[in-house]
Amino acid sequence: MTNPKRAVIGTVIGVLIGFYFKTPFNDADWHGTVDGRLKFLPQAFKSMLEEQSEGLALAVYSDGEMLADLWGGYADKSSARLWDRDTLTNVFSTAKSIGALIIAILVTRGKLAYEDRVPKFWPEFAQNGKENITVQWIVEHKAGLVKFDGDFPIDHANDYRKVSKLIENSKPMWPAGTETGYHSITYGWILDQIVRRVDDKHRSLSQFYNEEIRILAKDDLYIGLPRSEHYRVARITHASRPNFIKSWVTSYFRIRHLLNSIKSGDLMRLMYASSDYPKWMTLITVRD
């Protein structure tokens, strides 16, 4: 368990370091259009861009009408590749909304119900304390499966049968349904297994999205990016340590969350439990 005094001292030192170093200035320009009702936005976007070392994009909609479409900075600063209007980037955890949406679609079609216990359509799941886990607990991050037990090599990631066994053999980190803990990495894999079992065509989550949502909505969002689109992807890099510290110490919510986590002990028990799981995760997100 982390010593609270050391954690506080470390935070204070981090604050001093964070404010000592200046944030890199972005010399790249920005482009786009803004509706007259959002006259404040160009300057705000410019200020945001200047505080970043790379690039960003922003779109604002109201009742289906696009009011702002802005982009700027670098898609890859190391090669001076500028951020374009159609630059793609990793959406990270916002993709969880797609998984939850697919479950909702299957619920409306009568393929499952939120109150269904997962073993109803996945009998092998009913072991190691997972017998009573419901679909709703999975969707609401209450299953306690913030990480899987056992090794998870990268070559297993796209093998749904091996992932299935890994999940089946895992034990919740807390009694399922009693607490909420963010399933940052495991969420998609668990939902994928559920979709495969209840969908009439036994499609994967990504196949379901591509065939039922993406084509109809004409989204430029991919779950499983085709190689033909790789050239459009922005290069993701870790924030510098000073900038990372600044992002924490200037956020009231993050400071409060950090202190509460230290006090409760959850900082080590839950947050760090999945922070480096699986070991290869940064290989496919940062600097890919």
Protein backbone atom coordinates (compact mmCIF):
# COMPACT_ATOMS: atom_id res chain seq x y z
CA MET A 1 0.00 0.00 0.00
CA THR A 2 1.31 3.42 -0.89
CA ASN A 3 2.28 5.59 2.09
CA PRO A 4 -0.20 8.54 2.01
CA LYS A 5 2.44 10.99 3.26
CA ARG A 6 4.82 10.00 0.48
CA ALA A 7 2.02 10.31 -2.06
CA VAL A 8 1.18 13.83 -0.87
CA ILE A 9 4.84 14.85 -0.85
CA GLY A 10 5.22 13.44 -4.35
CA THR A 11 2.19 15.42 -5.50
CA VAL A 12 3.57 18.66 -4.05
CA ILE A 13 6.92 18.08 -5.73
CA GLY A 14 5.10 17.33 -8.96
CA VAL A 15 3.19 20.61 -8.72
CA LEU A 16 6.42 22.56 -8.37
CA ILE A 17 8.03 20.74 -11.28
CA GLY A 18 4.92 21.11 -13.41
CA PHE A 19 4.71 24.87 -13.01
CA TYR A 20 8.46 25.32 -13.41
CA PHE A 21 8.49 23.99 -16.95
CA LYS A 22 6.69 25.92 -19.65
CA THR A 23 4.18 24.25 -21.94
CA PRO A 24 5.54 23.84 -25.50
CA PHE A 25 4.26 26.46 -27.94
CA ASN A 26 2.60 25.17 -31.09
CA ASP A 27 3.61 27.18 -34.15
CA ALA A 28 1.19 25.44 -36.55
CA ASP A 29 -1.86 27.26 -37.85
CA TRP A 30 -5.52 26.28 -37.55
CA HIS A 31 -8.26 26.03 -40.16
CA GLY A 32 -12.00 25.56 -40.44
CA THR A 33 -15.33 27.31 -40.26
CA VAL A 34 -17.41 28.67 -37.38
CA ASP A 35 -21.02 29.81 -37.27
CA GLY A 36 -21.52 33.44 -36.28
CA ARG A 37 -23.30 32.33 -33.12
CA LEU A 38 -20.00 30.96 -31.81
CA LYS A 39 -17.80 34.01 -32.29
CA PHE A 40 -15.80 33.21 -29.16
CA LEU A 41 -14.75 29.78 -30.41
CA PRO A 42 -11.90 30.61 -32.84
CA GLN A 43 -9.88 32.38 -30.15
CA ALA A 44 -10.61 29.65 -27.63
CA PHE A 45 -9.54 26.99 -30.13
CA LYS A 46 -6.38 28.92 -30.96
CA SER A 47 -5.51 29.14 -27.26
CA MET A 48 -6.07 25.41 -26.84
CA LEU A 49 -3.88 24.68 -29.84
CA GLU A 50 -1.05 26.87 -28.61
CA GLU A 51 -0.94 24.90 -25.37
CA GLN A 52 -0.52 21.60 -27.24
CA SER A 53 2.66 20.31 -28.80
CA GLU A 54 0.74 18.32 -31.42
CA GLY A 55 -2.68 18.84 -33.00
CA LEU A 56 -6.39 18.63 -32.40
CA ALA A 57 -9.79 18.91 -34.04
CA LEU A 58 -13.17 20.12 -32.84
CA ALA A 59 -16.68 19.88 -34.26
CA VAL A 60 -19.81 21.38 -32.70
CA TYR A 61 -23.32 20.29 -33.65
CA SER A 62 -26.74 21.58 -32.62
CA ASP A 63 -29.85 19.62 -33.61
CA GLY A 64 -27.92 17.93 -36.40
CA GLU A 65 -26.51 21.19 -37.76
CA MET A 66 -22.73 21.64 -37.78
CA LEU A 67 -21.88 24.98 -36.18
CA ALA A 68 -18.11 24.58 -36.05
CA ASP A 69 -15.51 22.47 -37.83
CA LEU A 70 -11.98 23.31 -36.69
CA TRP A 71 -8.61 21.59 -36.91
CA GLY A 72 -4.97 22.52 -36.57
CA GLY A 73 -1.51 21.64 -35.35
CA TYR A 74 0.48 18.56 -36.23
CA ALA A 75 -0.67 15.02 -36.95
CA ASP A 76 2.97 13.98 -36.58
CA LYS A 77 5.28 16.70 -35.36
CA SER A 78 8.39 14.55 -35.80
CA SER A 79 7.84 14.63 -39.57
CA ALA A 80 6.11 18.04 -39.69
CA ARG A 81 2.92 16.39 -41.01
CA LEU A 82 0.09 18.83 -40.40
CA TRP A 83 -3.32 17.92 -39.01
CA ASP A 84 -5.83 17.84 -41.87
CA ARG A 85 -9.63 17.92 -41.90
CA ASP A 86 -9.80 14.14 -42.36
CA THR A 87 -6.99 13.18 -39.97
CA LEU A 88 -7.90 10.18 -37.83
CA THR A 89 -6.91 9.59 -34.23
CA ASN A 90 -7.45 6.93 -31.59
CA VAL A 91 -10.72 7.64 -29.79
CA PHE A 92 -9.70 5.46 -26.84
CA SER A 93 -12.49 4.91 -24.30
CA THR A 94 -15.16 6.84 -26.19
CA ALA A 95 -15.46 3.66 -28.28
CA LYS A 96 -17.12 2.05 -25.25
CA SER A 97 -20.26 3.97 -26.20
CA ILE A 98 -20.38 1.95 -29.43
CA GLY A 99 -20.24 -1.31 -27.49
CA ALA A 100 -23.01 -0.15 -25.15
CA LEU A 101 -25.07 0.99 -28.15
CA ILE A 102 -24.77 -2.42 -29.81
CA ILE A 103 -25.94 -4.12 -26.62
CA ALA A 104 -28.91 -1.71 -26.54
CA ILE A 105 -29.77 -2.59 -30.14
CA LEU A 106 -29.69 -6.30 -29.34
CA VAL A 107 -31.87 -5.69 -26.29
CA THR A 108 -34.49 -3.89 -28.40
CA ARG A 109 -34.45 -6.84 -30.80
CA GLY A 110 -35.16 -9.23 -27.96
CA LYS A 111 -31.86 -11.09 -28.21
CA LEU A 112 -31.06 -10.48 -24.55
CA ALA A 113 -32.16 -8.38 -21.58
CA TYR A 114 -30.09 -6.23 -19.27
CA GLU A 115 -31.20 -8.29 -16.29
CA ASP A 116 -30.10 -11.55 -17.94
CA ARG A 117 -27.29 -13.38 -16.22
CA VAL A 118 -24.39 -13.78 -18.62
CA PRO A 119 -24.24 -17.60 -18.17
CA LYS A 120 -27.71 -17.79 -19.77
CA PHE A 121 -26.03 -17.56 -23.18
CA TRP A 122 -22.43 -18.17 -22.10
CA PRO A 123 -22.47 -21.17 -19.70
CA GLU A 124 -18.67 -21.37 -19.39
CA PHE A 125 -18.68 -17.88 -17.88
CA ALA A 126 -20.30 -19.24 -14.70
CA GLN A 127 -17.19 -19.92 -12.63
CA ASN A 128 -14.83 -18.18 -10.21
CA GLY A 129 -17.53 -15.96 -8.70
CA LYS A 130 -19.07 -14.83 -11.99
CA GLU A 131 -22.21 -16.98 -11.84
CA ASN A 132 -24.61 -14.11 -11.09
CA ILE A 133 -23.09 -11.36 -13.21
CA THR A 134 -25.74 -9.70 -15.37
CA VAL A 135 -25.48 -7.92 -18.68
CA GLN A 136 -26.27 -4.67 -16.88
CA TRP A 137 -23.38 -5.16 -14.46
CA ILE A 138 -21.06 -5.59 -17.43
CA VAL A 139 -22.34 -2.44 -19.14
CA GLU A 140 -22.20 -0.47 -15.87
CA HIS A 141 -18.65 -1.56 -14.98
CA LYS A 142 -19.80 -3.50 -11.91
CA ALA A 143 -18.53 -6.97 -12.87
CA GLY A 144 -15.15 -6.62 -11.13
CA LEU A 145 -13.29 -7.78 -14.24
CA VAL A 146 -11.01 -4.77 -14.62
CA LYS A 147 -8.29 -7.19 -15.69
CA PHE A 148 -8.14 -10.85 -16.63
CA ASP A 149 -6.26 -13.52 -14.69
CA GLY A 150 -3.32 -15.10 -16.45
CA ASP A 151 -1.08 -14.07 -19.31
CA PHE A 152 -2.58 -12.16 -22.21
CA PRO A 153 -0.03 -12.22 -25.05
CA ILE A 154 -0.60 -9.93 -27.99
CA ASP A 155 -1.17 -12.80 -30.42
CA HIS A 156 -4.27 -13.78 -28.40
CA ALA A 157 -5.93 -10.39 -28.77
CA ASN A 158 -7.63 -11.22 -32.08
CA ASP A 159 -8.37 -14.85 -31.20
CA TYR A 160 -11.83 -14.69 -29.66
CA ARG A 161 -11.68 -18.33 -28.54
CA LYS A 162 -8.56 -17.73 -26.46
CA VAL A 163 -9.98 -14.49 -25.10
CA SER A 164 -13.13 -16.40 -24.15
CA LYS A 165 -11.11 -18.90 -22.11
CA LEU A 166 -9.16 -16.09 -20.47
CA ILE A 167 -12.36 -14.37 -19.35
CA GLU A 168 -13.95 -17.62 -18.19
CA ASN A 169 -10.95 -18.43 -15.99
CA SER A 170 -10.81 -14.95 -14.44
CA LYS A 171 -12.09 -14.02 -10.99
CA PRO A 172 -13.68 -10.63 -10.21
CA MET A 173 -11.51 -8.27 -8.18
CA TRP A 174 -14.50 -7.55 -5.92
CA PRO A 175 -17.86 -9.29 -5.37
CA ALA A 176 -19.64 -8.63 -8.64
CA GLY A 177 -22.42 -6.05 -8.46
CA THR A 178 -21.30 -4.52 -5.16
CA GLU A 179 -18.95 -1.84 -6.49
CA THR A 180 -18.28 0.13 -9.63
CA GLY A 181 -14.79 0.17 -11.13
CA TYR A 182 -13.83 1.36 -14.57
CA HIS A 183 -13.19 -1.56 -16.95
CA SER A 184 -10.82 0.49 -19.07
CA ILE A 185 -9.25 -2.32 -21.08
CA THR A 186 -11.46 -5.38 -20.65
CA TYR A 187 -14.84 -3.80 -21.50
CA GLY A 188 -14.64 -4.28 -25.25
CA TRP A 189 -13.46 -7.87 -25.11
CA ILE A 190 -16.26 -8.88 -22.74
CA LEU A 191 -18.95 -7.19 -24.83
CA ASP A 192 -17.51 -8.76 -27.97
CA GLN A 193 -18.01 -12.22 -26.45
CA ILE A 194 -21.61 -11.40 -25.55
CA VAL A 195 -22.42 -10.04 -29.02
CA ARG A 196 -20.98 -13.14 -30.71
CA ARG A 197 -23.26 -15.38 -28.65
CA VAL A 198 -26.57 -13.55 -28.98
CA ASP A 199 -26.37 -12.11 -32.49
CA ASP A 200 -28.16 -14.30 -35.07
CA LYS A 201 -25.13 -14.12 -37.38
CA HIS A 202 -22.64 -14.56 -34.50
CA ARG A 203 -20.79 -11.45 -35.62
CA SER A 204 -18.01 -9.81 -33.67
CA LEU A 205 -18.64 -6.43 -32.11
CA SER A 206 -16.64 -4.73 -34.88
CA GLN A 207 -18.47 -6.65 -37.62
CA PHE A 208 -21.82 -5.71 -36.11
CA TYR A 209 -20.79 -2.05 -35.98
CA ASN A 210 -19.55 -2.00 -39.57
CA GLU A 211 -22.63 -3.74 -40.98
CA GLU A 212 -25.38 -2.26 -38.83
CA ILE A 213 -24.19 1.22 -37.84
CA ARG A 214 -21.19 2.55 -39.72
CA ILE A 215 -22.45 1.94 -43.26
CA LEU A 216 -25.89 3.38 -42.56
CA ALA A 217 -24.61 6.39 -40.63
CA LYS A 218 -21.68 6.94 -43.02
CA ASP A 219 -19.41 7.39 -40.03
CA ASP A 220 -15.70 7.99 -40.45
CA LEU A 221 -15.13 5.98 -37.29
CA TYR A 222 -13.56 2.55 -37.35
CA ILE A 223 -13.39 -0.33 -34.90
CA GLY A 224 -10.50 -2.14 -36.50
CA LEU A 225 -8.85 0.34 -38.85
CA PRO A 226 -8.28 -0.91 -42.44
CA ARG A 227 -4.66 -0.76 -43.55
CA SER A 228 -5.73 1.48 -46.42
CA GLU A 229 -6.56 4.22 -43.89
CA HIS A 230 -3.36 4.07 -41.83
CA TYR A 231 -1.83 7.04 -43.64
CA ARG A 232 -4.50 9.32 -42.16
CA VAL A 233 -3.77 8.48 -38.53
CA ALA A 234 -2.18 11.00 -36.19
CA ARG A 235 0.85 9.78 -34.30
CA ILE A 236 0.14 9.57 -30.58
CA THR A 237 2.88 10.32 -28.08
CA HIS A 238 3.06 10.36 -24.32
CA ALA A 239 2.67 13.76 -22.71
CA SER A 240 5.87 15.13 -21.25
CA ARG A 241 6.09 14.64 -17.51
CA PRO A 242 5.68 18.36 -16.73
CA ASN A 243 2.60 18.62 -18.96
CA PHE A 244 1.13 15.45 -17.50
CA ILE A 245 1.58 16.85 -14.00
CA LYS A 246 0.01 20.15 -15.04
CA SER A 247 -3.05 18.38 -16.41
CA TRP A 248 -3.56 16.82 -12.99
CA VAL A 249 -2.76 19.66 -10.64
CA THR A 250 -4.90 22.18 -12.54
CA SER A 251 -7.98 19.94 -12.38
CA TYR A 252 -10.07 20.05 -9.20
CA PHE A 253 -11.79 16.80 -10.15
CA ARG A 254 -8.51 14.93 -10.65
CA ILE A 255 -7.00 16.21 -7.42
CA ARG A 256 -10.12 15.22 -5.47
CA HIS A 257 -10.16 11.79 -7.13
CA LEU A 258 -6.48 11.25 -6.37
CA LEU A 259 -6.84 12.17 -2.69
CA ASN A 260 -9.96 10.02 -2.29
CA SER A 261 -8.19 7.10 -3.92
CA ILE A 262 -5.19 7.44 -1.62
CA LYS A 263 -7.46 7.62 1.42
CA SER A 264 -9.54 4.58 0.46
CA GLY A 265 -6.65 2.48 -0.79
CA ASP A 266 -8.34 2.01 -4.17
CA LEU A 267 -5.53 3.84 -5.91
CA MET A 268 -3.34 0.78 -5.68
CA ARG A 269 -5.99 -1.94 -5.56
CA LEU A 270 -7.97 -0.96 -8.63
CA MET A 271 -6.35 1.81 -10.64
CA TYR A 272 -2.87 0.32 -10.76
CA ALA A 273 -4.22 -3.20 -11.17
CA SER A 274 -5.16 -2.46 -14.78
CA SER A 275 -2.81 0.44 -15.58
CA ASP A 276 -0.25 -1.81 -17.27
CA TYR A 277 -2.58 -4.55 -18.47
CA PRO A 278 -1.96 -6.02 -20.91
CA LYS A 279 1.74 -5.27 -21.16
CA TRP A 280 1.61 -4.68 -24.90
CA MET A 281 -1.21 -2.12 -24.89
CA THR A 282 0.96 0.95 -25.48
CA LEU A 283 2.46 -0.74 -28.54
CA ILE A 284 -0.85 -0.37 -30.38
CA THR A 285 -1.86 3.06 -29.08
CA VAL A 286 1.22 5.22 -28.51
CA ARG A 287 3.64 5.78 -31.39
CA ASP A 288 1.85 3.27 -33.61
